[in-house]
Amino acid sequence: MKEIKITVNEHNQRMDKFLKKFLPKASSGFIYKMLRKKRIKLNHSKANPNDIINEGDKVQFYISEDTLKKFQNEKTIDNIPVTFGIIYEDSNILLINKPKGLLSHSASFKDNDTVVKQLISYLYKKGEYIPSEEKTFIPSICNRLDRNTSGIIIGGKNHITLQVMNEIIKSNKIKKVYRCIVKGTLNKQIELKDYLIKDTKNNKVSISNKSTLNSKEIHTIIRPIKSNEGFTLLEVELITGRTHQIRLHLSATGYPIIGDQKYGERKTNDYFKDTFKLTSQFLHGYKIKFFEVNSPLQYLSNKQFEAQMNEKLTKIQKNLFKI
């Protein structure tokens, strides 16, 4: 029999979710069978899949050590150089300024360099993440950006931070604001509500003003900052956060983002590529504001953070709008 003690980084989650992380190579069927047959117990009593485990609880495995090892991943840390910027950091959270060209998450097993892997490597080198002392927890991020969109990503150093941040994002207790430059002149704020349909095969999305099968509602607020020579610098607030939402919503409204190879205007993109070497969308997640944040992260309530744009985007903005 093997017994493990639940720590703060496994606290307050369902038993089946914990077991799927503790035994990632085991099938769901195997896990539920072991629970049903009392081969896995919680505090020496029968455990149910939906039982909530808490710090200090003990889980007993009446399973051979070899079988447990077979279903667990080997814990290794890749030594990856950190290319992201750090906007803010404390013992719970890391606000990252993601550069263009860097994936947020791995899209396939070949993606060794991502924000998540850089975050893990960074915390490991600082001694803030020690894999051998963790049963299931791995540092991660709470939001993602497209590969060629730069800006703020929230990183969690512990389980409770990830839970709290995911909850405030889900309940819209955080404001996410982007900067972009679009083709066309816009002089007033507009609020857009439509439905997004995702084409997973081609990694592209389309838009509809009516709800359809598998569509998801999208809500975007667009505020012009300055216009010049047929281009407008915009501040865009995401109310929902869907794949390619800003890029598609603006393009469908007649204001394509400059440099956007998927939803933009080819002639405009060619001009900015030739003039400024811009080969991807001018889109930067530059500001977040936390509203009401639950304990133990309540100290972030009403705090606001901003991320600087890279040199190329700053140069284009100054050239077009003198700001």
C-alpha atoms as a PDB file:
ATOM      1  CA  MET A   1       0.000   0.000   0.000  1.00  0.00           C
ATOM      2  CA  LYS A   2       1.226   3.493  -0.905  1.00  0.00           C
ATOM      3  CA  GLU A   3      -0.104   6.570   0.863  1.00  0.00           C
ATOM      4  CA  ILE A   4       0.293  10.174  -0.155  1.00  0.00           C
ATOM      5  CA  LYS A   5      -0.661  13.343   1.718  1.00  0.00           C
ATOM      6  CA  ILE A   6      -2.531  16.098  -0.065  1.00  0.00           C
ATOM      7  CA  THR A   7      -0.736  19.443   0.014  1.00  0.00           C
ATOM      8  CA  VAL A   8      -1.854  22.991  -0.758  1.00  0.00           C
ATOM      9  CA  ASN A   9      -1.106  22.446  -4.461  1.00  0.00           C
ATOM     10  CA  GLU A  10      -3.660  19.618  -4.672  1.00  0.00           C
ATOM     11  CA  HIS A  11      -6.222  21.261  -2.377  1.00  0.00           C
ATOM     12  CA  ASN A  12      -9.878  21.745  -3.342  1.00  0.00           C
ATOM     13  CA  GLN A  13     -10.286  19.573  -6.433  1.00  0.00           C
ATOM     14  CA  ARG A  14     -12.282  16.499  -7.361  1.00  0.00           C
ATOM     15  CA  MET A  15     -10.744  13.131  -6.625  1.00  0.00           C
ATOM     16  CA  ASP A  16     -11.016  11.930 -10.240  1.00  0.00           C
ATOM     17  CA  LYS A  17      -9.328  15.091 -11.580  1.00  0.00           C
ATOM     18  CA  PHE A  18      -6.494  14.687  -9.084  1.00  0.00           C
ATOM     19  CA  LEU A  19      -6.028  11.025 -10.021  1.00  0.00           C
ATOM     20  CA  LYS A  20      -5.955  11.811 -13.753  1.00  0.00           C
ATOM     21  CA  LYS A  21      -3.071  14.198 -13.087  1.00  0.00           C
ATOM     22  CA  PHE A  22      -1.327  11.878 -10.633  1.00  0.00           C
ATOM     23  CA  LEU A  23      -1.649   8.921 -13.053  1.00  0.00           C
ATOM     24  CA  PRO A  24      -1.689  10.672 -16.454  1.00  0.00           C
ATOM     25  CA  LYS A  25      -1.015   7.493 -18.437  1.00  0.00           C
ATOM     26  CA  ALA A  26      -3.902   5.577 -16.853  1.00  0.00           C
ATOM     27  CA  SER A  27      -7.237   5.432 -18.641  1.00  0.00           C
ATOM     28  CA  SER A  28     -10.348   6.919 -17.058  1.00  0.00           C
ATOM     29  CA  GLY A  29     -11.806   3.436 -17.007  1.00  0.00           C
ATOM     30  CA  PHE A  30      -8.904   2.129 -14.930  1.00  0.00           C
ATOM     31  CA  ILE A  31      -9.166   4.997 -12.438  1.00  0.00           C
ATOM     32  CA  TYR A  32     -12.920   4.617 -11.954  1.00  0.00           C
ATOM     33  CA  LYS A  33     -12.540   0.845 -11.624  1.00  0.00           C
ATOM     34  CA  MET A  34      -9.907   1.259  -8.883  1.00  0.00           C
ATOM     35  CA  LEU A  35     -12.203   3.652  -7.027  1.00  0.00           C
ATOM     36  CA  ARG A  36     -15.161   1.327  -7.398  1.00  0.00           C
ATOM     37  CA  LYS A  37     -13.181  -1.658  -6.132  1.00  0.00           C
ATOM     38  CA  LYS A  38     -11.739   0.377  -3.226  1.00  0.00           C
ATOM     39  CA  ARG A  39      -8.205  -0.049  -4.510  1.00  0.00           C
ATOM     40  CA  ILE A  40      -7.918   3.718  -4.128  1.00  0.00           C
ATOM     41  CA  LYS A  41      -9.265   5.193  -0.890  1.00  0.00           C
ATOM     42  CA  LEU A  42      -9.559   8.617   0.684  1.00  0.00           C
ATOM     43  CA  ASN A  43      -8.637   8.796   4.373  1.00  0.00           C
ATOM     44  CA  HIS A  44      -8.980   4.978   4.547  1.00  0.00           C
ATOM     45  CA  SER A  45     -12.618   5.137   3.376  1.00  0.00           C
ATOM     46  CA  LYS A  46     -14.274   4.466   0.037  1.00  0.00           C
ATOM     47  CA  ALA A  47     -13.594   7.315  -2.371  1.00  0.00           C
ATOM     48  CA  ASN A  48     -15.987   8.591  -5.011  1.00  0.00           C
ATOM     49  CA  PRO A  49     -14.939  10.362  -8.233  1.00  0.00           C
ATOM     50  CA  ASN A  50     -16.652  13.609  -7.194  1.00  0.00           C
ATOM     51  CA  ASP A  51     -15.239  13.729  -3.634  1.00  0.00           C
ATOM     52  CA  ILE A  52     -13.385  16.997  -2.993  1.00  0.00           C
ATOM     53  CA  ILE A  53      -9.894  16.498  -1.607  1.00  0.00           C
ATOM     54  CA  ASN A  54      -8.391  19.044   0.771  1.00  0.00           C
ATOM     55  CA  GLU A  55      -4.993  19.880   2.202  1.00  0.00           C
ATOM     56  CA  GLY A  56      -4.100  17.322   4.864  1.00  0.00           C
ATOM     57  CA  ASP A  57      -6.208  14.498   3.409  1.00  0.00           C
ATOM     58  CA  LYS A  58      -4.502  11.179   2.700  1.00  0.00           C
ATOM     59  CA  VAL A  59      -5.007   8.988  -0.354  1.00  0.00           C
ATOM     60  CA  GLN A  60      -4.244   5.273  -0.149  1.00  0.00           C
ATOM     61  CA  PHE A  61      -3.321   3.189  -3.202  1.00  0.00           C
ATOM     62  CA  TYR A  62      -3.726  -0.576  -2.896  1.00  0.00           C
ATOM     63  CA  ILE A  63      -1.887  -0.950  -6.178  1.00  0.00           C
ATOM     64  CA  SER A  64       1.624  -2.237  -6.795  1.00  0.00           C
ATOM     65  CA  GLU A  65       4.459   0.296  -6.984  1.00  0.00           C
ATOM     66  CA  ASP A  66       5.377  -0.933 -10.476  1.00  0.00           C
ATOM     67  CA  THR A  67       1.844  -0.348 -11.744  1.00  0.00           C
ATOM     68  CA  LEU A  68       1.754   3.161 -10.278  1.00  0.00           C
ATOM     69  CA  LYS A  69       5.097   4.025 -11.881  1.00  0.00           C
ATOM     70  CA  LYS A  70       3.871   2.699 -15.226  1.00  0.00           C
ATOM     71  CA  PHE A  71       1.023   5.216 -15.177  1.00  0.00           C
ATOM     72  CA  GLN A  72       3.120   8.220 -14.117  1.00  0.00           C
ATOM     73  CA  ASN A  73       5.203  10.582 -16.251  1.00  0.00           C
ATOM     74  CA  GLU A  74       8.894  11.041 -15.671  1.00  0.00           C
ATOM     75  CA  LYS A  75       9.434  14.541 -14.297  1.00  0.00           C
ATOM     76  CA  THR A  76      12.036  16.340 -16.379  1.00  0.00           C
ATOM     77  CA  ILE A  77      12.675  20.042 -16.863  1.00  0.00           C
ATOM     78  CA  ASP A  78      13.895  21.436 -20.186  1.00  0.00           C
ATOM     79  CA  ASN A  79      16.581  24.091 -19.864  1.00  0.00           C
ATOM     80  CA  ILE A  80      14.929  26.768 -21.995  1.00  0.00           C
ATOM     81  CA  PRO A  81      16.139  30.385 -22.185  1.00  0.00           C
ATOM     82  CA  VAL A  82      13.518  32.927 -21.104  1.00  0.00           C
ATOM     83  CA  THR A  83      12.589  35.322 -23.918  1.00  0.00           C
ATOM     84  CA  PHE A  84       9.463  36.829 -22.363  1.00  0.00           C
ATOM     85  CA  GLY A  85       9.455  40.039 -20.355  1.00  0.00           C
ATOM     86  CA  ILE A  86       8.304  40.237 -16.741  1.00  0.00           C
ATOM     87  CA  ILE A  87       5.754  42.950 -15.933  1.00  0.00           C
ATOM     88  CA  TYR A  88       5.009  41.954 -12.339  1.00  0.00           C
ATOM     89  CA  GLU A  89       5.945  39.080 -10.041  1.00  0.00           C
ATOM     90  CA  ASP A  90       5.228  37.970  -6.505  1.00  0.00           C
ATOM     91  CA  SER A  91       5.094  34.638  -4.665  1.00  0.00           C
ATOM     92  CA  ASN A  92       1.829  33.648  -6.382  1.00  0.00           C
ATOM     93  CA  ILE A  93       1.701  35.201  -9.810  1.00  0.00           C
ATOM     94  CA  LEU A  94       3.846  36.192 -12.770  1.00  0.00           C
ATOM     95  CA  LEU A  95       2.586  38.669 -15.378  1.00  0.00           C
ATOM     96  CA  ILE A  96       4.418  37.943 -18.609  1.00  0.00           C
ATOM     97  CA  ASN A  97       4.937  40.155 -21.661  1.00  0.00           C
ATOM     98  CA  LYS A  98       4.856  37.542 -24.431  1.00  0.00           C
ATOM     99  CA  PRO A  99       6.850  38.424 -27.550  1.00  0.00           C
ATOM    100  CA  LYS A 100       5.572  37.847 -31.070  1.00  0.00           C
ATOM    101  CA  GLY A 101       6.466  34.447 -32.499  1.00  0.00           C
ATOM    102  CA  LEU A 102       6.264  32.519 -29.223  1.00  0.00           C
ATOM    103  CA  LEU A 103       3.506  29.948 -28.694  1.00  0.00           C
ATOM    104  CA  SER A 104       1.511  30.139 -25.468  1.00  0.00           C
ATOM    105  CA  HIS A 105       0.999  26.360 -25.217  1.00  0.00           C
ATOM    106  CA  SER A 106       2.455  23.420 -27.118  1.00  0.00           C
ATOM    107  CA  ALA A 107       0.455  22.707 -30.258  1.00  0.00           C
ATOM    108  CA  SER A 108       2.298  19.409 -30.794  1.00  0.00           C
ATOM    109  CA  PHE A 109       5.057  17.326 -29.188  1.00  0.00           C
ATOM    110  CA  LYS A 110       7.572  19.136 -31.416  1.00  0.00           C
ATOM    111  CA  ASP A 111       6.920  22.508 -29.733  1.00  0.00           C
ATOM    112  CA  ASN A 112       9.691  22.682 -27.148  1.00  0.00           C
ATOM    113  CA  ASP A 113       9.756  26.467 -26.771  1.00  0.00           C
ATOM    114  CA  THR A 114       6.520  27.917 -25.391  1.00  0.00           C
ATOM    115  CA  VAL A 115       5.478  30.405 -22.717  1.00  0.00           C
ATOM    116  CA  VAL A 116       4.493  27.530 -20.429  1.00  0.00           C
ATOM    117  CA  LYS A 117       7.822  25.720 -20.817  1.00  0.00           C
ATOM    118  CA  GLN A 118       9.776  28.939 -20.352  1.00  0.00           C
ATOM    119  CA  LEU A 119       7.735  29.657 -17.209  1.00  0.00           C
ATOM    120  CA  ILE A 120       8.467  26.198 -15.787  1.00  0.00           C
ATOM    121  CA  SER A 121      12.175  26.513 -16.589  1.00  0.00           C
ATOM    122  CA  TYR A 122      12.298  30.014 -15.056  1.00  0.00           C
ATOM    123  CA  LEU A 123      10.656  28.935 -11.776  1.00  0.00           C
ATOM    124  CA  TYR A 124      12.757  25.770 -11.586  1.00  0.00           C
ATOM    125  CA  LYS A 125      15.983  27.775 -11.879  1.00  0.00           C
ATOM    126  CA  LYS A 126      14.757  30.149  -9.149  1.00  0.00           C
ATOM    127  CA  GLY A 127      14.023  27.195  -6.874  1.00  0.00           C
ATOM    128  CA  GLU A 128      10.317  28.087  -6.745  1.00  0.00           C
ATOM    129  CA  TYR A 129       9.219  24.934  -8.551  1.00  0.00           C
ATOM    130  CA  ILE A 130      10.684  21.631  -7.357  1.00  0.00           C
ATOM    131  CA  PRO A 131       9.138  18.762  -9.361  1.00  0.00           C
ATOM    132  CA  SER A 132      10.230  16.058  -6.904  1.00  0.00           C
ATOM    133  CA  GLU A 133       8.186  17.733  -4.167  1.00  0.00           C
ATOM    134  CA  GLU A 134       5.005  18.028  -6.251  1.00  0.00           C
ATOM    135  CA  LYS A 135       2.505  15.216  -6.743  1.00  0.00           C
ATOM    136  CA  THR A 136       0.547  16.707  -9.631  1.00  0.00           C
ATOM    137  CA  PHE A 137       1.058  20.468  -9.785  1.00  0.00           C
ATOM    138  CA  ILE A 138       2.883  22.087 -12.700  1.00  0.00           C
ATOM    139  CA  PRO A 139       3.068  25.890 -13.098  1.00  0.00           C
ATOM    140  CA  SER A 140       0.931  27.103 -15.985  1.00  0.00           C
ATOM    141  CA  ILE A 141      -0.786  30.088 -17.576  1.00  0.00           C
ATOM    142  CA  CYS A 142      -4.366  31.278 -17.278  1.00  0.00           C
ATOM    143  CA  ASN A 143      -4.856  32.914 -20.677  1.00  0.00           C
ATOM    144  CA  ARG A 144      -3.280  32.553 -24.071  1.00  0.00           C
ATOM    145  CA  LEU A 145      -2.423  34.708 -27.073  1.00  0.00           C
ATOM    146  CA  ASP A 146      -1.968  33.774 -30.718  1.00  0.00           C
ATOM    147  CA  ARG A 147       1.632  33.028 -31.692  1.00  0.00           C
ATOM    148  CA  ASN A 148       2.006  36.384 -33.466  1.00  0.00           C
ATOM    149  CA  THR A 149       0.085  38.462 -30.927  1.00  0.00           C
ATOM    150  CA  SER A 150       2.241  39.956 -28.187  1.00  0.00           C
ATOM    151  CA  GLY A 151       1.200  41.082 -24.736  1.00  0.00           C
ATOM    152  CA  ILE A 152       0.152  40.109 -21.232  1.00  0.00           C
ATOM    153  CA  ILE A 153      -0.169  36.499 -20.132  1.00  0.00           C
ATOM    154  CA  ILE A 154      -0.966  35.531 -16.536  1.00  0.00           C
ATOM    155  CA  GLY A 155       1.229  32.797 -15.043  1.00  0.00           C
ATOM    156  CA  GLY A 156       0.336  30.913 -11.876  1.00  0.00           C
ATOM    157  CA  LYS A 157       3.024  29.670  -9.475  1.00  0.00           C
ATOM    158  CA  ASN A 158       0.686  27.502  -7.406  1.00  0.00           C
ATOM    159  CA  HIS A 159      -2.597  25.635  -7.662  1.00  0.00           C
ATOM    160  CA  ILE A 160      -4.730  28.157  -5.773  1.00  0.00           C
ATOM    161  CA  THR A 161      -3.522  30.998  -8.009  1.00  0.00           C
ATOM    162  CA  LEU A 162      -4.536  29.092 -11.128  1.00  0.00           C
ATOM    163  CA  GLN A 163      -7.948  28.362  -9.605  1.00  0.00           C
ATOM    164  CA  VAL A 164      -8.575  31.973  -8.552  1.00  0.00           C
ATOM    165  CA  MET A 165      -7.365  33.465 -11.846  1.00  0.00           C
ATOM    166  CA  ASN A 166      -9.354  31.020 -13.969  1.00  0.00           C
ATOM    167  CA  GLU A 167     -12.453  31.839 -11.936  1.00  0.00           C
ATOM    168  CA  ILE A 168     -12.148  35.624 -12.295  1.00  0.00           C
ATOM    169  CA  ILE A 169     -11.540  35.279 -16.032  1.00  0.00           C
ATOM    170  CA  LYS A 170     -14.606  33.049 -16.320  1.00  0.00           C
ATOM    171  CA  SER A 171     -16.750  35.481 -14.325  1.00  0.00           C
ATOM    172  CA  ASN A 172     -15.473  38.604 -16.185  1.00  0.00           C
ATOM    173  CA  LYS A 173     -13.806  40.133 -13.131  1.00  0.00           C
ATOM    174  CA  ILE A 174     -10.818  41.129 -15.226  1.00  0.00           C
ATOM    175  CA  LYS A 175     -10.540  43.697 -18.011  1.00  0.00           C
ATOM    176  CA  LYS A 176      -8.352  42.773 -21.002  1.00  0.00           C
ATOM    177  CA  VAL A 177      -7.418  45.569 -23.398  1.00  0.00           C
ATOM    178  CA  TYR A 178      -5.502  45.374 -26.689  1.00  0.00           C
ATOM    179  CA  ARG A 179      -3.910  47.904 -29.024  1.00  0.00           C
ATOM    180  CA  CYS A 180      -4.043  47.474 -32.785  1.00  0.00           C
ATOM    181  CA  ILE A 181      -3.858  49.469 -36.009  1.00  0.00           C
ATOM    182  CA  VAL A 182      -6.514  48.915 -38.648  1.00  0.00           C
ATOM    183  CA  LYS A 183      -7.116  49.962 -42.240  1.00  0.00           C
ATOM    184  CA  GLY A 184      -9.898  52.557 -42.347  1.00  0.00           C
ATOM    185  CA  THR A 185     -11.004  55.578 -40.351  1.00  0.00           C
ATOM    186  CA  LEU A 186     -13.091  55.040 -37.228  1.00  0.00           C
ATOM    187  CA  ASN A 187     -14.294  58.052 -35.237  1.00  0.00           C
ATOM    188  CA  LYS A 188     -16.557  56.601 -32.557  1.00  0.00           C
ATOM    189  CA  GLN A 189     -16.758  53.708 -30.117  1.00  0.00           C
ATOM    190  CA  ILE A 190     -18.581  50.636 -31.366  1.00  0.00           C
ATOM    191  CA  GLU A 191     -19.769  47.572 -29.490  1.00  0.00           C
ATOM    192  CA  LEU A 192     -19.998  44.308 -31.439  1.00  0.00           C
ATOM    193  CA  LYS A 193     -21.970  41.185 -30.554  1.00  0.00           C
ATOM    194  CA  ASP A 194     -21.976  38.248 -32.952  1.00  0.00           C
ATOM    195  CA  TYR A 195     -21.379  34.496 -33.115  1.00  0.00           C
ATOM    196  CA  LEU A 196     -18.119  32.775 -33.966  1.00  0.00           C
ATOM    197  CA  ILE A 197     -17.851  29.443 -35.784  1.00  0.00           C
ATOM    198  CA  LYS A 198     -14.514  27.647 -35.548  1.00  0.00           C
ATOM    199  CA  ASP A 199     -12.991  25.663 -38.409  1.00  0.00           C
ATOM    200  CA  THR A 200     -10.519  23.474 -36.494  1.00  0.00           C
ATOM    201  CA  LYS A 201      -9.199  21.765 -39.631  1.00  0.00           C
ATOM    202  CA  ASN A 202      -8.006  25.044 -41.183  1.00  0.00           C
ATOM    203  CA  ASN A 203      -7.402  26.900 -37.875  1.00  0.00           C
ATOM    204  CA  LYS A 204      -9.714  29.653 -39.002  1.00  0.00           C
ATOM    205  CA  VAL A 205     -12.973  31.118 -37.749  1.00  0.00           C
ATOM    206  CA  SER A 206     -15.989  32.730 -39.386  1.00  0.00           C
ATOM    207  CA  ILE A 207     -18.678  35.022 -38.060  1.00  0.00           C
ATOM    208  CA  SER A 208     -22.473  35.077 -38.042  1.00  0.00           C
ATOM    209  CA  ASN A 209     -25.064  37.487 -36.619  1.00  0.00           C
ATOM    210  CA  LYS A 210     -27.206  34.505 -35.636  1.00  0.00           C
ATOM    211  CA  SER A 211     -26.595  31.596 -33.284  1.00  0.00           C
ATOM    212  CA  THR A 212     -25.948  28.359 -35.175  1.00  0.00           C
ATOM    213  CA  LEU A 213     -24.861  24.833 -34.322  1.00  0.00           C
ATOM    214  CA  ASN A 214     -21.495  24.877 -32.490  1.00  0.00           C
ATOM    215  CA  SER A 215     -21.261  28.678 -32.629  1.00  0.00           C
ATOM    216  CA  LYS A 216     -20.136  30.756 -29.632  1.00  0.00           C
ATOM    217  CA  GLU A 217     -21.132  34.294 -28.729  1.00  0.00           C
ATOM    218  CA  ILE A 218     -18.447  36.953 -29.091  1.00  0.00           C
ATOM    219  CA  HIS A 219     -18.555  40.439 -27.567  1.00  0.00           C
ATOM    220  CA  THR A 220     -15.998  43.132 -28.385  1.00  0.00           C
ATOM    221  CA  ILE A 221     -15.794  46.845 -27.556  1.00  0.00           C
ATOM    222  CA  ILE A 222     -13.732  49.035 -29.916  1.00  0.00           C
ATOM    223  CA  ARG A 223     -12.528  52.544 -29.039  1.00  0.00           C
ATOM    224  CA  PRO A 224     -10.598  54.743 -31.528  1.00  0.00           C
ATOM    225  CA  ILE A 225      -7.538  56.531 -30.166  1.00  0.00           C
ATOM    226  CA  LYS A 226      -6.278  58.380 -33.239  1.00  0.00           C
ATOM    227  CA  SER A 227      -6.757  58.291 -37.017  1.00  0.00           C
ATOM    228  CA  ASN A 228      -4.393  59.390 -39.786  1.00  0.00           C
ATOM    229  CA  GLU A 229      -4.110  58.811 -43.552  1.00  0.00           C
ATOM    230  CA  GLY A 230      -6.779  56.118 -43.670  1.00  0.00           C
ATOM    231  CA  PHE A 231      -5.554  54.162 -40.630  1.00  0.00           C
ATOM    232  CA  THR A 232      -6.826  54.104 -37.041  1.00  0.00           C
ATOM    233  CA  LEU A 233      -5.124  53.214 -33.791  1.00  0.00           C
ATOM    234  CA  LEU A 234      -7.626  51.315 -31.660  1.00  0.00           C
ATOM    235  CA  GLU A 235      -8.088  50.192 -28.093  1.00  0.00           C
ATOM    236  CA  VAL A 236     -10.029  46.926 -28.064  1.00  0.00           C
ATOM    237  CA  GLU A 237     -11.655  45.439 -24.970  1.00  0.00           C
ATOM    238  CA  LEU A 238     -12.512  41.753 -24.961  1.00  0.00           C
ATOM    239  CA  ILE A 239     -15.679  40.842 -23.093  1.00  0.00           C
ATOM    240  CA  THR A 240     -15.469  37.254 -24.336  1.00  0.00           C
ATOM    241  CA  GLY A 241     -12.193  35.621 -25.301  1.00  0.00           C
ATOM    242  CA  ARG A 242     -12.521  33.396 -28.357  1.00  0.00           C
ATOM    243  CA  THR A 243     -10.011  32.191 -30.942  1.00  0.00           C
ATOM    244  CA  HIS A 244      -8.997  35.051 -33.303  1.00  0.00           C
ATOM    245  CA  GLN A 245     -11.932  37.096 -31.936  1.00  0.00           C
ATOM    246  CA  ILE A 246     -10.441  40.581 -32.352  1.00  0.00           C
ATOM    247  CA  ARG A 247      -8.927  39.856 -35.745  1.00  0.00           C
ATOM    248  CA  LEU A 248     -12.158  38.410 -37.138  1.00  0.00           C
ATOM    249  CA  HIS A 249     -14.515  40.944 -35.567  1.00  0.00           C
ATOM    250  CA  LEU A 250     -12.551  43.886 -36.929  1.00  0.00           C
ATOM    251  CA  SER A 251     -12.133  42.352 -40.375  1.00  0.00           C
ATOM    252  CA  ALA A 252     -15.839  41.499 -40.621  1.00  0.00           C
ATOM    253  CA  THR A 253     -16.715  45.087 -39.623  1.00  0.00           C
ATOM    254  CA  GLY A 254     -14.550  46.518 -42.416  1.00  0.00           C
ATOM    255  CA  TYR A 255     -11.492  47.417 -40.344  1.00  0.00           C
ATOM    256  CA  PRO A 256      -8.870  44.700 -40.933  1.00  0.00           C
ATOM    257  CA  ILE A 257      -5.778  44.770 -38.734  1.00  0.00           C
ATOM    258  CA  ILE A 258      -2.626  45.714 -40.644  1.00  0.00           C
ATOM    259  CA  GLY A 259      -0.251  42.801 -41.168  1.00  0.00           C
ATOM    260  CA  ASP A 260      -2.934  40.161 -40.537  1.00  0.00           C
ATOM    261  CA  GLN A 261      -2.160  37.423 -43.057  1.00  0.00           C
ATOM    262  CA  LYS A 262      -5.322  35.442 -42.342  1.00  0.00           C
ATOM    263  CA  TYR A 263      -8.081  38.059 -42.063  1.00  0.00           C
ATOM    264  CA  GLY A 264      -6.385  41.196 -43.371  1.00  0.00           C
ATOM    265  CA  GLU A 265      -6.149  43.025 -46.694  1.00  0.00           C
ATOM    266  CA  ARG A 266      -3.345  41.860 -48.965  1.00  0.00           C
ATOM    267  CA  LYS A 267      -2.456  45.234 -50.498  1.00  0.00           C
ATOM    268  CA  THR A 268      -2.211  46.874 -47.075  1.00  0.00           C
ATOM    269  CA  ASN A 269      -0.187  43.970 -45.692  1.00  0.00           C
ATOM    270  CA  ASP A 270       2.260  44.177 -48.613  1.00  0.00           C
ATOM    271  CA  TYR A 271       2.795  47.888 -47.941  1.00  0.00           C
ATOM    272  CA  PHE A 272       3.633  47.384 -44.259  1.00  0.00           C
ATOM    273  CA  LYS A 273       5.812  44.382 -45.061  1.00  0.00           C
ATOM    274  CA  ASP A 274       7.842  46.369 -47.593  1.00  0.00           C
ATOM    275  CA  THR A 275       7.998  49.551 -45.511  1.00  0.00           C
ATOM    276  CA  PHE A 276       8.338  48.235 -41.950  1.00  0.00           C
ATOM    277  CA  LYS A 277       9.048  44.505 -42.373  1.00  0.00           C
ATOM    278  CA  LEU A 278       5.758  43.752 -40.597  1.00  0.00           C
ATOM    279  CA  THR A 279       4.834  40.141 -41.404  1.00  0.00           C
ATOM    280  CA  SER A 280       2.070  39.517 -38.865  1.00  0.00           C
ATOM    281  CA  GLN A 281      -0.844  41.333 -37.257  1.00  0.00           C
ATOM    282  CA  PHE A 282      -0.281  44.578 -35.353  1.00  0.00           C
ATOM    283  CA  LEU A 283      -2.032  43.376 -32.203  1.00  0.00           C
ATOM    284  CA  HIS A 284      -0.749  43.723 -28.660  1.00  0.00           C
ATOM    285  CA  GLY A 285      -2.447  42.794 -25.369  1.00  0.00           C
ATOM    286  CA  TYR A 286      -1.212  45.850 -23.538  1.00  0.00           C
ATOM    287  CA  LYS A 287      -3.347  46.226 -20.400  1.00  0.00           C
ATOM    288  CA  ILE A 288      -5.231  44.208 -17.806  1.00  0.00           C
ATOM    289  CA  LYS A 289      -7.162  45.382 -14.780  1.00  0.00           C
ATOM    290  CA  PHE A 290      -8.242  43.113 -11.958  1.00  0.00           C
ATOM    291  CA  PHE A 291     -11.559  43.964 -10.344  1.00  0.00           C
ATOM    292  CA  GLU A 292     -12.661  41.827  -7.397  1.00  0.00           C
ATOM    293  CA  VAL A 293     -10.102  39.079  -6.696  1.00  0.00           C
ATOM    294  CA  ASN A 294     -10.706  36.357  -4.118  1.00  0.00           C
ATOM    295  CA  SER A 295      -8.345  35.372  -1.273  1.00  0.00           C
ATOM    296  CA  PRO A 296      -5.405  34.776  -1.172  1.00  0.00           C
ATOM    297  CA  LEU A 297      -4.948  37.125  -4.146  1.00  0.00           C
ATOM    298  CA  GLN A 298      -7.255  39.892  -2.889  1.00  0.00           C
ATOM    299  CA  TYR A 299      -4.290  42.303  -2.866  1.00  0.00           C
ATOM    300  CA  LEU A 300      -4.585  42.412  -6.677  1.00  0.00           C
ATOM    301  CA  SER A 301      -8.112  43.856  -6.565  1.00  0.00           C
ATOM    302  CA  ASN A 302      -8.410  47.081  -8.608  1.00  0.00           C
ATOM    303  CA  LYS A 303      -4.753  46.834  -9.707  1.00  0.00           C
ATOM    304  CA  GLN A 304      -3.866  47.602 -13.325  1.00  0.00           C
ATOM    305  CA  PHE A 305      -0.815  46.487 -15.331  1.00  0.00           C
ATOM    306  CA  GLU A 306       0.515  47.433 -18.768  1.00  0.00           C
ATOM    307  CA  ALA A 307       2.958  45.805 -21.188  1.00  0.00           C
ATOM    308  CA  GLN A 308       5.181  47.733 -23.577  1.00  0.00           C
ATOM    309  CA  MET A 309       5.085  46.989 -27.307  1.00  0.00           C
ATOM    310  CA  ASN A 310       8.227  45.819 -29.076  1.00  0.00           C
ATOM    311  CA  GLU A 311      10.453  48.190 -31.038  1.00  0.00           C
ATOM    312  CA  LYS A 312       8.913  47.430 -34.438  1.00  0.00           C
ATOM    313  CA  LEU A 313       5.316  48.046 -33.355  1.00  0.00           C
ATOM    314  CA  THR A 314       6.330  51.189 -31.471  1.00  0.00           C
ATOM    315  CA  LYS A 315       8.081  52.512 -34.581  1.00  0.00           C
ATOM    316  CA  ILE A 316       5.012  51.928 -36.781  1.00  0.00           C
ATOM    317  CA  GLN A 317       2.725  53.619 -34.252  1.00  0.00           C
ATOM    318  CA  LYS A 318       4.998  56.673 -33.993  1.00  0.00           C
ATOM    319  CA  ASN A 319       5.374  56.873 -37.776  1.00  0.00           C
ATOM    320  CA  LEU A 320       1.618  56.836 -38.425  1.00  0.00           C
ATOM    321  CA  PHE A 321       0.270  58.774 -35.447  1.00  0.00           C
ATOM    322  CA  LYS A 322       3.251  60.678 -33.956  1.00  0.00           C
ATOM    323  CA  ILE A 323       2.618  59.108 -30.532  1.00  0.00           C
END
